[in-house]
N, C-alpha and C. Protein backbone atom coordinates (compact mmCIF):
# COMPACT_ATOMS: atom_id res chain seq x y z
N MET A 1 123.34 156.59 101.75
CA MET A 1 123.52 157.78 100.75
C MET A 1 122.00 158.45 100.94
N ALA A 2 122.17 159.65 101.22
CA ALA A 2 121.06 160.54 101.44
C ALA A 2 120.61 161.13 100.20
N ILE A 3 119.65 160.78 99.29
CA ILE A 3 119.39 161.15 98.09
C ILE A 3 118.49 162.33 98.29
N LYS A 4 119.02 163.43 97.54
CA LYS A 4 118.32 164.85 97.53
C LYS A 4 116.94 164.60 96.66
N PHE A 5 115.98 165.17 97.31
CA PHE A 5 114.54 165.33 96.72
C PHE A 5 113.57 166.27 97.00
N GLN A 6 112.52 166.51 96.44
CA GLN A 6 111.64 167.44 96.75
C GLN A 6 110.22 166.58 97.02
N TYR A 7 109.38 167.10 97.83
CA TYR A 7 108.33 166.47 97.95
C TYR A 7 107.02 166.76 96.81
N ASN A 8 107.27 166.38 95.69
CA ASN A 8 106.20 166.70 94.65
C ASN A 8 106.44 165.72 93.52
N LYS A 9 105.15 165.57 93.00
CA LYS A 9 105.16 164.56 91.77
C LYS A 9 106.27 164.23 90.89
N ILE A 10 106.99 165.23 90.46
CA ILE A 10 107.90 165.69 89.32
C ILE A 10 109.27 164.48 89.98
N ALA A 11 109.50 165.17 91.29
CA ALA A 11 110.53 164.11 91.97
C ALA A 11 110.12 162.78 92.35
N LEU A 12 108.84 162.63 92.57
CA LEU A 12 108.57 161.08 92.60
C LEU A 12 108.70 160.29 91.25
N GLN A 13 108.39 161.00 90.35
CA GLN A 13 108.59 160.40 88.93
C GLN A 13 110.22 160.29 88.41
N GLN A 14 110.66 161.29 89.02
CA GLN A 14 112.06 161.30 88.47
C GLN A 14 112.89 160.20 89.41
N LEU A 15 112.37 159.87 90.55
CA LEU A 15 113.16 159.11 91.27
C LEU A 15 112.78 157.55 91.07
N ASP A 16 111.33 157.50 90.33
CA ASP A 16 110.90 156.24 90.20
C ASP A 16 111.63 155.66 88.78
N LYS A 17 111.81 156.74 87.84
CA LYS A 17 112.71 156.23 86.81
C LYS A 17 114.15 156.01 87.14
N GLN A 18 114.77 156.35 87.65
CA GLN A 18 116.17 156.29 88.50
C GLN A 18 115.94 154.84 88.96
N LEU A 19 115.07 154.55 89.99
CA LEU A 19 115.27 153.07 90.52
C LEU A 19 114.79 152.05 89.44
N LYS A 20 113.71 152.62 88.35
CA LYS A 20 113.78 151.26 87.34
C LYS A 20 115.04 151.16 86.53
N ILE A 21 115.88 152.00 86.46
CA ILE A 21 117.12 151.84 85.76
C ILE A 21 117.87 151.07 86.27
N ARG A 22 118.02 151.23 87.94
CA ARG A 22 119.06 150.58 88.33
C ARG A 22 118.52 149.32 88.56
N VAL A 23 117.24 149.05 88.88
CA VAL A 23 116.57 147.44 89.00
C VAL A 23 117.02 146.87 87.83
N ARG A 24 116.72 147.43 86.74
CA ARG A 24 117.02 146.84 85.21
C ARG A 24 118.50 146.44 85.08
N ALA A 25 119.26 147.43 85.39
CA ALA A 25 120.76 147.05 85.03
C ALA A 25 121.66 146.24 86.20
N LEU A 26 120.94 146.02 87.11
CA LEU A 26 121.53 144.91 88.38
C LEU A 26 121.77 143.63 87.69
N PRO A 27 120.80 143.05 87.29
CA PRO A 27 120.83 141.85 86.75
C PRO A 27 122.26 141.52 85.73
N THR A 28 122.28 142.54 85.03
CA THR A 28 123.35 142.70 83.89
C THR A 28 124.87 142.72 84.27
N ILE A 29 124.65 143.74 85.30
CA ILE A 29 126.26 143.92 86.34
C ILE A 29 126.56 142.73 86.88
N LYS A 30 125.44 142.01 87.64
CA LYS A 30 125.82 140.90 88.34
C LYS A 30 126.33 139.76 87.37
N ASN A 31 125.61 139.40 86.23
CA ASN A 31 126.14 138.41 85.04
C ASN A 31 127.64 138.87 84.74
N LYS A 32 127.92 140.14 84.55
CA LYS A 32 129.25 140.81 84.37
C LYS A 32 130.30 140.35 85.37
N GLU A 33 129.79 140.53 86.56
CA GLU A 33 130.64 140.42 87.62
C GLU A 33 130.95 138.70 87.75
N ALA A 34 129.89 137.89 87.73
CA ALA A 34 130.18 136.50 87.79
C ALA A 34 131.20 136.06 86.36
N ALA A 35 130.91 136.58 85.19
CA ALA A 35 131.48 136.14 84.27
C ALA A 35 133.41 136.51 84.55
N LEU A 36 133.12 137.75 84.88
CA LEU A 36 134.50 138.05 85.32
C LEU A 36 135.48 137.48 86.16
N ARG A 37 134.60 136.75 87.18
CA ARG A 37 135.33 136.19 88.52
C ARG A 37 135.70 134.79 87.88
N MET A 38 135.06 134.29 86.76
CA MET A 38 135.31 133.40 86.34
C MET A 38 136.74 133.14 85.53
N GLU A 39 136.74 134.54 84.59
CA GLU A 39 137.63 134.71 83.64
C GLU A 39 138.99 135.00 84.49
N VAL A 40 138.90 135.60 85.54
CA VAL A 40 139.96 136.05 86.69
C VAL A 40 140.55 134.68 87.04
N LYS A 41 139.57 133.51 87.52
CA LYS A 41 140.10 132.11 87.99
C LYS A 41 140.78 131.41 86.90
N LYS A 42 140.41 131.40 85.66
CA LYS A 42 140.71 130.82 84.38
C LYS A 42 142.38 131.35 84.33
N ALA A 43 142.48 132.74 84.18
CA ALA A 43 143.72 133.22 84.06
C ALA A 43 144.78 133.05 84.89
N LYS A 44 144.20 133.08 86.21
CA LYS A 44 145.23 132.73 87.67
C LYS A 44 145.90 131.27 87.45
N ASN A 45 144.76 130.56 86.72
CA ASN A 45 145.12 129.03 86.36
C ASN A 45 146.16 128.80 85.46
N LYS A 46 145.78 129.34 84.46
CA LYS A 46 147.06 129.55 83.35
C LYS A 46 148.33 129.84 83.43
N ALA A 47 148.08 131.05 84.37
CA ALA A 47 149.33 131.74 84.60
C ALA A 47 150.24 130.85 85.87
N ASN A 48 149.71 130.42 86.37
CA ASN A 48 150.24 129.16 87.33
C ASN A 48 150.54 128.03 87.03
N GLU A 49 149.64 127.43 85.55
CA GLU A 49 150.36 126.39 85.07
C GLU A 49 151.47 126.54 83.95
N LEU A 50 151.68 127.81 83.54
CA LEU A 50 152.64 128.07 82.66
C LEU A 50 154.13 128.31 83.28
N ASP A 51 153.64 128.93 84.96
CA ASP A 51 154.73 129.18 85.93
C ASP A 51 155.40 127.70 86.23
N SER A 52 154.65 127.00 86.40
CA SER A 52 155.10 125.35 86.64
C SER A 52 155.66 125.12 85.71
N ASN A 53 155.04 124.86 84.13
CA ASN A 53 155.89 124.49 82.96
C ASN A 53 157.21 124.91 82.82
N LEU A 54 157.39 126.44 83.06
CA LEU A 54 158.49 126.81 82.87
C LEU A 54 159.76 126.36 83.93
N ILE A 55 159.15 126.21 85.11
CA ILE A 55 160.18 125.58 86.16
C ILE A 55 160.49 124.43 85.84
N SER A 56 159.43 123.50 85.65
CA SER A 56 159.85 121.87 84.98
C SER A 56 160.69 121.84 83.94
N GLU A 57 160.42 122.87 82.99
CA GLU A 57 161.24 122.60 81.75
C GLU A 57 162.54 123.25 82.10
N MET A 58 163.00 124.17 82.84
CA MET A 58 164.19 124.73 83.30
C MET A 58 164.85 123.34 84.11
N LYS A 59 164.16 122.70 85.02
CA LYS A 59 164.83 121.66 85.63
C LYS A 59 165.55 120.63 84.82
N THR A 60 164.76 120.31 83.60
CA THR A 60 165.11 119.20 82.61
C THR A 60 166.33 119.55 81.90
N TYR A 61 166.73 120.82 81.97
CA TYR A 61 168.05 121.09 81.35
C TYR A 61 169.10 121.46 82.48
N ASP A 62 168.71 120.88 83.99
CA ASP A 62 169.68 121.17 84.87
C ASP A 62 170.85 120.72 84.65
N GLY A 63 171.12 119.48 83.98
CA GLY A 63 172.05 118.84 83.43
C GLY A 63 173.05 119.38 82.61
N MET A 64 172.52 120.53 81.79
CA MET A 64 173.52 121.08 80.86
C MET A 64 173.91 122.23 81.15
N VAL A 65 174.02 122.50 82.65
CA VAL A 65 174.54 123.89 82.94
C VAL A 65 175.70 124.31 82.55
N GLY A 66 176.84 123.30 82.24
CA GLY A 66 178.01 123.33 82.08
C GLY A 66 177.95 123.67 80.56
N LEU A 67 176.99 123.26 79.84
CA LEU A 67 177.32 123.58 78.25
C LEU A 67 176.86 125.02 78.02
N TRP A 68 175.84 124.96 78.69
CA TRP A 68 175.27 126.44 78.73
C TRP A 68 176.49 127.69 78.94
N ASN A 69 177.49 127.36 79.19
CA ASN A 69 178.44 128.17 79.58
C ASN A 69 179.50 128.68 78.48
N GLU A 70 179.25 127.69 77.29
CA GLU A 70 179.99 127.83 76.03
C GLU A 70 178.98 128.34 75.15
N PHE A 71 177.78 128.70 75.63
CA PHE A 71 176.77 129.25 74.42
C PHE A 71 176.81 130.86 74.60
N ASP A 72 176.85 131.40 73.26
CA ASP A 72 176.68 132.76 73.15
C ASP A 72 175.31 133.37 73.14
N LYS A 73 175.55 133.94 74.46
CA LYS A 73 174.37 134.70 74.52
C LYS A 73 173.92 135.63 74.01
N GLU A 74 174.45 136.05 73.09
CA GLU A 74 173.85 137.31 71.97
C GLU A 74 173.52 136.48 70.58
N LEU A 75 173.39 135.25 70.74
CA LEU A 75 172.84 134.39 69.35
C LEU A 75 171.45 134.57 69.29
N LEU A 76 170.90 134.60 70.33
CA LEU A 76 169.16 134.68 70.26
C LEU A 76 168.62 135.78 70.77
N SER A 77 167.89 136.60 70.13
CA SER A 77 167.47 137.96 70.89
C SER A 77 165.53 137.83 70.33
N VAL A 78 164.66 138.31 71.20
CA VAL A 78 163.54 138.92 71.03
C VAL A 78 163.40 140.24 70.19
N ASP A 79 163.07 140.17 69.00
CA ASP A 79 162.68 141.32 68.29
C ASP A 79 161.50 142.27 68.50
N ASP A 80 160.69 141.35 68.84
CA ASP A 80 159.33 141.69 68.88
C ASP A 80 158.50 140.82 69.41
N VAL A 81 157.08 141.34 70.34
CA VAL A 81 156.18 140.57 70.89
C VAL A 81 154.89 141.18 70.08
N ILE A 82 154.25 140.15 69.02
CA ILE A 82 153.25 140.81 68.63
C ILE A 82 151.71 140.37 69.57
N LEU A 83 151.00 141.44 69.89
CA LEU A 83 149.58 141.19 70.44
C LEU A 83 148.51 141.88 69.81
N SER A 84 147.42 141.04 69.96
CA SER A 84 146.18 141.63 69.83
C SER A 84 145.35 141.80 70.94
N THR A 85 144.11 142.30 71.14
CA THR A 85 143.24 142.56 71.82
C THR A 85 141.99 141.76 71.49
N LYS A 86 141.69 141.49 72.73
CA LYS A 86 140.46 140.61 72.84
C LYS A 86 139.42 141.37 73.88
N LYS A 87 138.36 141.21 73.54
CA LYS A 87 137.24 141.76 74.45
C LYS A 87 136.69 140.59 75.53
N ILE A 88 136.74 140.60 77.28
CA ILE A 88 136.12 139.64 77.76
C ILE A 88 135.41 140.56 78.52
N ALA A 89 134.27 139.94 78.49
CA ALA A 89 133.19 140.98 79.51
C ALA A 89 133.57 142.23 79.58
N GLY A 90 133.81 142.90 78.12
CA GLY A 90 133.56 144.37 78.38
C GLY A 90 135.32 144.99 78.42
N VAL A 91 136.03 143.94 78.82
CA VAL A 91 137.48 144.04 79.09
C VAL A 91 138.57 143.82 78.11
N LYS A 92 139.41 144.89 77.55
CA LYS A 92 140.12 144.51 76.66
C LYS A 92 141.42 143.93 77.42
N ILE A 93 141.74 142.79 76.57
CA ILE A 93 142.70 142.25 77.21
C ILE A 93 143.83 141.52 76.18
N PRO A 94 144.88 141.64 76.54
CA PRO A 94 146.16 141.31 75.08
C PRO A 94 146.37 139.66 74.94
N ILE A 95 146.22 139.67 73.90
CA ILE A 95 146.68 138.04 73.34
C ILE A 95 147.79 138.00 72.57
N LEU A 96 148.40 136.90 72.97
CA LEU A 96 149.85 136.91 72.40
C LEU A 96 149.42 136.12 70.94
N ASP A 97 149.96 136.64 69.95
CA ASP A 97 149.97 136.31 68.39
C ASP A 97 151.24 135.73 68.21
N GLU A 98 152.40 136.62 68.28
CA GLU A 98 153.82 135.60 67.97
C GLU A 98 154.91 136.35 68.45
N ILE A 99 155.92 135.70 68.54
CA ILE A 99 157.09 136.36 69.44
C ILE A 99 157.92 136.27 68.12
N ILE A 100 158.61 137.25 67.57
CA ILE A 100 159.63 137.20 66.59
C ILE A 100 160.95 137.22 66.92
N PHE A 101 161.74 136.34 66.96
CA PHE A 101 163.05 136.18 67.56
C PHE A 101 163.98 136.55 66.16
N SER A 102 165.45 136.74 66.46
CA SER A 102 166.27 136.91 65.72
C SER A 102 167.49 135.96 66.02
N VAL A 103 168.03 135.38 65.09
CA VAL A 103 169.12 134.27 65.11
C VAL A 103 170.28 135.28 64.42
N LYS A 104 171.23 135.23 65.33
CA LYS A 104 172.73 135.88 65.15
C LYS A 104 173.46 134.79 63.94
N LYS A 105 173.75 135.21 63.35
CA LYS A 105 174.72 134.31 62.20
C LYS A 105 175.95 133.49 63.31
N TYR A 106 176.13 132.38 62.99
CA TYR A 106 177.17 131.36 63.57
C TYR A 106 177.61 130.41 62.86
N SER A 107 178.50 130.08 63.02
CA SER A 107 179.19 129.15 61.91
C SER A 107 178.84 127.92 62.49
N PHE A 108 178.24 126.75 61.52
CA PHE A 108 178.02 125.14 62.13
C PHE A 108 179.07 124.64 62.58
N PHE A 109 180.36 124.86 61.72
CA PHE A 109 181.43 124.09 61.77
C PHE A 109 182.07 123.99 62.92
N ASP A 110 181.99 125.79 63.44
CA ASP A 110 183.24 126.11 64.56
C ASP A 110 182.29 126.21 65.91
N SER A 111 181.21 125.88 65.69
CA SER A 111 180.39 125.84 67.19
C SER A 111 179.85 124.66 67.40
N PRO A 112 179.50 124.36 68.34
CA PRO A 112 179.26 122.72 69.12
C PRO A 112 177.83 122.49 68.43
N GLU A 113 177.55 121.15 68.18
CA GLU A 113 176.99 120.75 67.28
C GLU A 113 175.51 120.70 67.91
N TRP A 114 175.03 120.98 69.23
CA TRP A 114 173.78 121.21 70.23
C TRP A 114 173.71 122.51 70.06
N PHE A 115 174.22 123.52 69.48
CA PHE A 115 173.82 124.72 69.18
C PHE A 115 172.24 124.93 68.53
N PRO A 116 172.04 124.49 67.72
CA PRO A 116 170.54 124.13 66.74
C PRO A 116 169.20 124.09 68.01
N ASP A 117 170.05 123.27 68.74
CA ASP A 117 168.81 122.38 69.76
C ASP A 117 168.80 123.59 71.14
N GLY A 118 169.93 124.36 71.43
CA GLY A 118 169.91 125.17 72.37
C GLY A 118 169.12 126.36 71.99
N ILE A 119 169.19 126.54 70.90
CA ILE A 119 168.33 127.74 70.25
C ILE A 119 166.80 127.69 70.48
N ALA A 120 166.49 126.10 69.83
CA ALA A 120 165.12 125.83 70.22
C ALA A 120 164.55 125.88 71.52
N ILE A 121 165.73 125.45 72.33
CA ILE A 121 165.45 125.12 73.83
C ILE A 121 164.55 126.75 74.25
N LEU A 122 165.87 127.54 74.02
CA LEU A 122 165.83 128.77 74.34
C LEU A 122 164.21 129.50 74.05
N LYS A 123 164.24 129.45 72.68
CA LYS A 123 162.92 129.81 72.05
C LYS A 123 161.74 129.54 72.93
N ASN A 124 161.81 128.15 73.32
CA ASN A 124 160.69 127.44 73.83
C ASN A 124 160.43 128.06 75.23
N LEU A 125 161.62 128.17 76.19
CA LEU A 125 161.71 128.52 77.38
C LEU A 125 161.13 130.50 77.13
N VAL A 126 161.98 131.14 76.60
CA VAL A 126 161.30 132.25 76.63
C VAL A 126 159.75 132.47 75.93
N GLY A 127 159.20 131.81 74.93
CA GLY A 127 157.92 131.59 74.74
C GLY A 127 156.95 131.61 75.71
N ILE A 128 157.48 130.38 76.86
CA ILE A 128 156.31 130.17 77.98
C ILE A 128 156.55 131.26 79.01
N ALA A 129 157.94 131.92 79.01
CA ALA A 129 158.01 132.94 80.34
C ALA A 129 157.19 134.61 79.59
N ILE A 130 157.19 134.42 78.53
CA ILE A 130 156.47 135.64 77.94
C ILE A 130 155.13 135.54 77.91
N GLU A 131 154.45 134.21 77.44
CA GLU A 131 153.17 134.19 77.74
C GLU A 131 152.66 134.08 79.24
N ARG A 132 153.38 133.55 80.10
CA ARG A 132 153.28 133.69 81.35
C ARG A 132 153.06 134.73 82.15
N GLU A 133 153.85 135.81 81.85
CA GLU A 133 153.56 137.24 82.20
C GLU A 133 152.74 137.85 81.37
N LEU A 134 152.20 137.34 80.31
CA LEU A 134 151.01 138.17 79.54
C LEU A 134 149.92 137.63 80.49
N PHE A 135 149.77 136.40 81.02
CA PHE A 135 148.46 135.92 81.67
C PHE A 135 148.56 136.65 83.00
N PHE A 136 149.67 136.98 83.68
CA PHE A 136 149.52 137.79 84.89
C PHE A 136 149.32 139.09 84.52
N VAL A 137 149.44 139.92 83.64
CA VAL A 137 148.74 140.99 82.91
C VAL A 137 147.42 141.14 82.84
N LYS A 138 147.03 139.95 82.36
CA LYS A 138 145.55 139.65 81.83
C LYS A 138 144.76 139.43 83.30
N THR A 139 145.33 138.59 84.24
CA THR A 139 144.68 138.34 85.47
C THR A 139 144.71 139.60 86.23
N GLY A 140 145.55 140.51 86.08
CA GLY A 140 145.40 141.78 86.89
C GLY A 140 144.29 142.80 86.27
N LEU A 141 144.57 142.89 84.98
CA LEU A 141 143.36 143.70 84.29
C LEU A 141 141.94 142.97 84.61
N LEU A 142 141.76 141.99 84.65
CA LEU A 142 140.46 141.24 84.99
C LEU A 142 140.01 141.48 86.38
N GLU A 143 140.97 141.36 87.16
CA GLU A 143 140.77 141.46 88.73
C GLU A 143 140.33 142.76 88.93
N HIS A 144 141.05 143.92 88.29
CA HIS A 144 140.68 145.23 88.59
C HIS A 144 139.17 145.38 88.04
N ALA A 145 138.83 144.92 87.09
CA ALA A 145 137.40 145.08 86.21
C ALA A 145 136.75 144.70 86.99
N ARG A 146 136.95 143.36 87.61
CA ARG A 146 135.94 142.46 88.58
C ARG A 146 135.84 143.30 89.93
N ARG A 147 136.73 143.90 90.61
CA ARG A 147 136.50 144.76 91.55
C ARG A 147 135.51 146.12 91.16
N LYS A 148 135.96 146.67 90.25
CA LYS A 148 135.20 147.81 90.11
C LYS A 148 133.61 147.13 89.67
N THR A 149 133.37 146.28 89.20
CA THR A 149 131.82 145.59 89.02
C THR A 149 131.48 145.34 90.21
N THR A 150 132.26 144.53 91.05
CA THR A 150 131.47 144.19 92.26
C THR A 150 131.28 145.58 93.24
N GLN A 151 131.96 146.78 93.03
CA GLN A 151 131.84 147.89 93.94
C GLN A 151 130.36 148.46 93.28
N LYS A 152 130.16 148.16 91.91
CA LYS A 152 128.89 148.98 91.23
C LYS A 152 127.61 148.10 91.80
N VAL A 153 127.58 146.84 91.83
CA VAL A 153 126.87 145.94 92.41
C VAL A 153 126.42 146.20 93.85
N ASN A 154 127.25 146.28 94.51
CA ASN A 154 126.97 146.53 95.76
C ASN A 154 126.52 148.18 96.24
N LEU A 155 127.07 148.99 95.23
CA LEU A 155 126.24 150.27 95.33
C LEU A 155 124.84 150.26 95.02
N TYR A 156 124.59 149.57 93.73
CA TYR A 156 123.42 149.52 93.30
C TYR A 156 122.50 148.72 94.42
N GLU A 157 122.80 147.80 95.07
CA GLU A 157 122.24 146.64 95.70
C GLU A 157 121.94 147.37 97.01
N LYS A 158 122.85 148.02 97.75
CA LYS A 158 122.91 147.88 99.02
C LYS A 158 122.78 149.63 99.52
N VAL A 159 123.18 150.53 98.26
CA VAL A 159 123.03 151.83 98.83
C VAL A 159 122.03 152.64 97.84
N GLN A 160 121.93 152.26 96.38
CA GLN A 160 121.26 153.44 95.81
C GLN A 160 119.63 152.88 95.78
N ILE A 161 119.30 151.38 95.25
CA ILE A 161 118.06 150.87 95.31
C ILE A 161 117.41 151.13 96.57
N PRO A 162 117.95 150.77 97.58
CA PRO A 162 117.16 151.16 98.96
C PRO A 162 116.86 152.52 99.22
N GLY A 163 117.98 153.52 98.92
CA GLY A 163 117.60 154.66 98.55
C GLY A 163 116.60 155.35 98.27
N PHE A 164 116.52 155.04 96.84
CA PHE A 164 115.57 155.53 95.88
C PHE A 164 114.19 155.09 96.36
N GLU A 165 114.56 153.75 96.60
CA GLU A 165 112.64 153.01 97.56
C GLU A 165 112.42 153.71 98.85
N GLU A 166 113.24 154.30 99.67
CA GLU A 166 112.92 154.75 100.84
C GLU A 166 112.48 156.49 100.23
N ALA A 167 113.19 157.02 99.53
CA ALA A 167 112.77 158.54 98.95
C ALA A 167 111.35 158.37 98.38
N ILE A 168 111.03 157.40 97.91
CA ILE A 168 109.83 157.66 97.07
C ILE A 168 108.60 157.20 97.96
N LEU A 169 108.94 156.52 99.11
CA LEU A 169 108.07 156.12 100.14
C LEU A 169 107.76 157.14 100.84
N LYS A 170 108.89 158.06 101.13
CA LYS A 170 108.93 159.28 102.11
C LYS A 170 107.88 160.44 101.14
N ILE A 171 108.24 160.27 99.70
CA ILE A 171 107.33 161.22 99.08
C ILE A 171 105.61 160.72 98.96
N LYS A 172 105.60 159.45 98.74
CA LYS A 172 103.88 159.19 98.85
C LYS A 172 103.41 159.17 100.05
N ARG A 173 104.05 158.99 101.15
CA ARG A 173 103.55 159.42 102.47
C ARG A 173 103.31 160.97 102.67
N PHE A 174 104.27 161.36 102.28
CA PHE A 174 103.82 163.16 102.56
C PHE A 174 102.56 163.36 101.80
N MET A 175 102.72 163.02 100.47
CA MET A 175 101.58 163.36 99.40
C MET A 175 100.44 162.74 100.07
N GLU A 176 100.09 161.91 100.40
CA GLU A 176 98.91 161.09 101.02
C GLU A 176 98.70 161.87 102.26
N ASP A 177 99.43 161.94 103.40
CA ASP A 177 99.19 163.24 104.24
C ASP A 177 98.72 164.44 103.78
N GLU A 178 99.29 165.01 102.86
CA GLU A 178 98.93 166.47 102.67
C GLU A 178 97.40 166.29 101.73
N GLU A 179 96.77 165.30 100.82
CA GLU A 179 95.91 164.82 100.87
C GLU A 179 94.55 164.75 101.68
N ASN A 180 95.41 163.84 102.86
CA ASN A 180 94.35 163.70 103.83
C ASN A 180 93.87 165.05 104.41
N LEU A 181 94.89 165.82 104.61
CA LEU A 181 94.79 167.21 105.37
C LEU A 181 93.93 168.08 104.37
N SER A 182 93.86 167.94 102.94
CA SER A 182 93.16 168.96 102.21
C SER A 182 91.65 168.40 102.34
N LYS A 183 91.62 166.77 102.65
CA LYS A 183 90.29 166.66 102.73
C LYS A 183 89.69 166.87 103.85
N SER A 184 90.35 166.56 105.03
CA SER A 184 89.49 167.11 106.28
C SER A 184 89.45 168.48 106.36
N SER A 185 90.48 169.40 105.86
CA SER A 185 90.05 170.62 105.86
C SER A 185 88.69 171.10 104.91
N GLN A 186 88.69 170.24 103.85
CA GLN A 186 87.45 170.74 103.02
C GLN A 186 85.99 170.31 104.00
N LYS A 187 86.26 169.44 104.52
CA LYS A 187 85.11 168.63 105.28
C LYS A 187 84.56 169.59 106.69
N ILE A 188 85.83 170.29 107.31
CA ILE A 188 85.65 170.99 108.19
C ILE A 188 84.91 172.37 107.69
N VAL A 189 85.49 172.75 106.64
CA VAL A 189 84.65 174.21 105.92
C VAL A 189 83.17 174.07 105.54
N LYS A 190 82.89 172.55 105.16
CA LYS A 190 81.35 172.36 104.87
C LYS A 190 80.70 171.88 105.95
N ASN A 191 81.23 171.70 107.04
CA ASN A 191 80.59 171.47 108.03
C ASN A 191 80.10 172.96 108.60
N ARG A 192 81.13 173.72 108.67
CA ARG A 192 80.83 175.17 109.38
C ARG A 192 79.92 175.85 108.43
N GLN A 193 80.13 175.89 106.99
CA GLN A 193 78.98 176.25 105.93
C GLN A 193 77.70 175.33 106.50
N ALA A 194 77.87 174.28 106.70
CA ALA A 194 76.23 173.57 106.50
C ALA A 194 75.88 174.29 108.37
N MET A 195 76.56 174.71 109.27
CA MET A 195 76.14 174.99 110.60
C MET A 195 75.71 176.49 110.36
N GLU A 196 76.42 177.25 109.63
CA GLU A 196 75.71 178.73 108.97
C GLU A 196 74.83 178.80 108.42
N VAL A 197 74.28 178.06 107.59
CA VAL A 197 73.08 177.34 106.86
C VAL A 197 72.09 177.69 107.94
N GLU A 198 72.31 176.48 108.79
CA GLU A 198 71.18 176.08 109.82
C GLU A 198 71.17 177.17 110.77
N ALA A 199 71.89 178.01 110.89
CA ALA A 199 71.78 179.01 112.08
C ALA A 199 70.85 180.41 111.61
């Protein structure tokens, strides 16, 4: 990145200030990136764990497939999924608070006796499935934030900080050269004046 600057003390001070800001911010951004990387890993693991749980729970009921044909599919529905948010390393993440189900009225005498258990099984499966989806969303949000933070770390570390350092060095060298030229020209003028006085 080519940093635009002028060869003077004001530009030198401004560049120095910008450099100090980035050098101070870099450790904080690196810590945020590390925290996000850890949270992404946790969220992925939890999502995969819930995925495995859902599959294993569904397999345990494979023997009941015939029974599910007589189950009224409109008996249970999800009315609402209540979420709250939590900040993790500056990123707002949805947290599952509650799933509100509604159970349609049915006759205990006319329906098979396993219906209440079936409703409980479905509530459990739906709860796992919703939580699993939420963790996939959480993983996506955290991964996006981690990528952005990594880009910022790279920008500071590999582009801006070296760019500011190089610009500061160029200005200092220019100002030293200018000062040396000024001293040399003063010496030349003094020597000429001294020679004129002697002559």
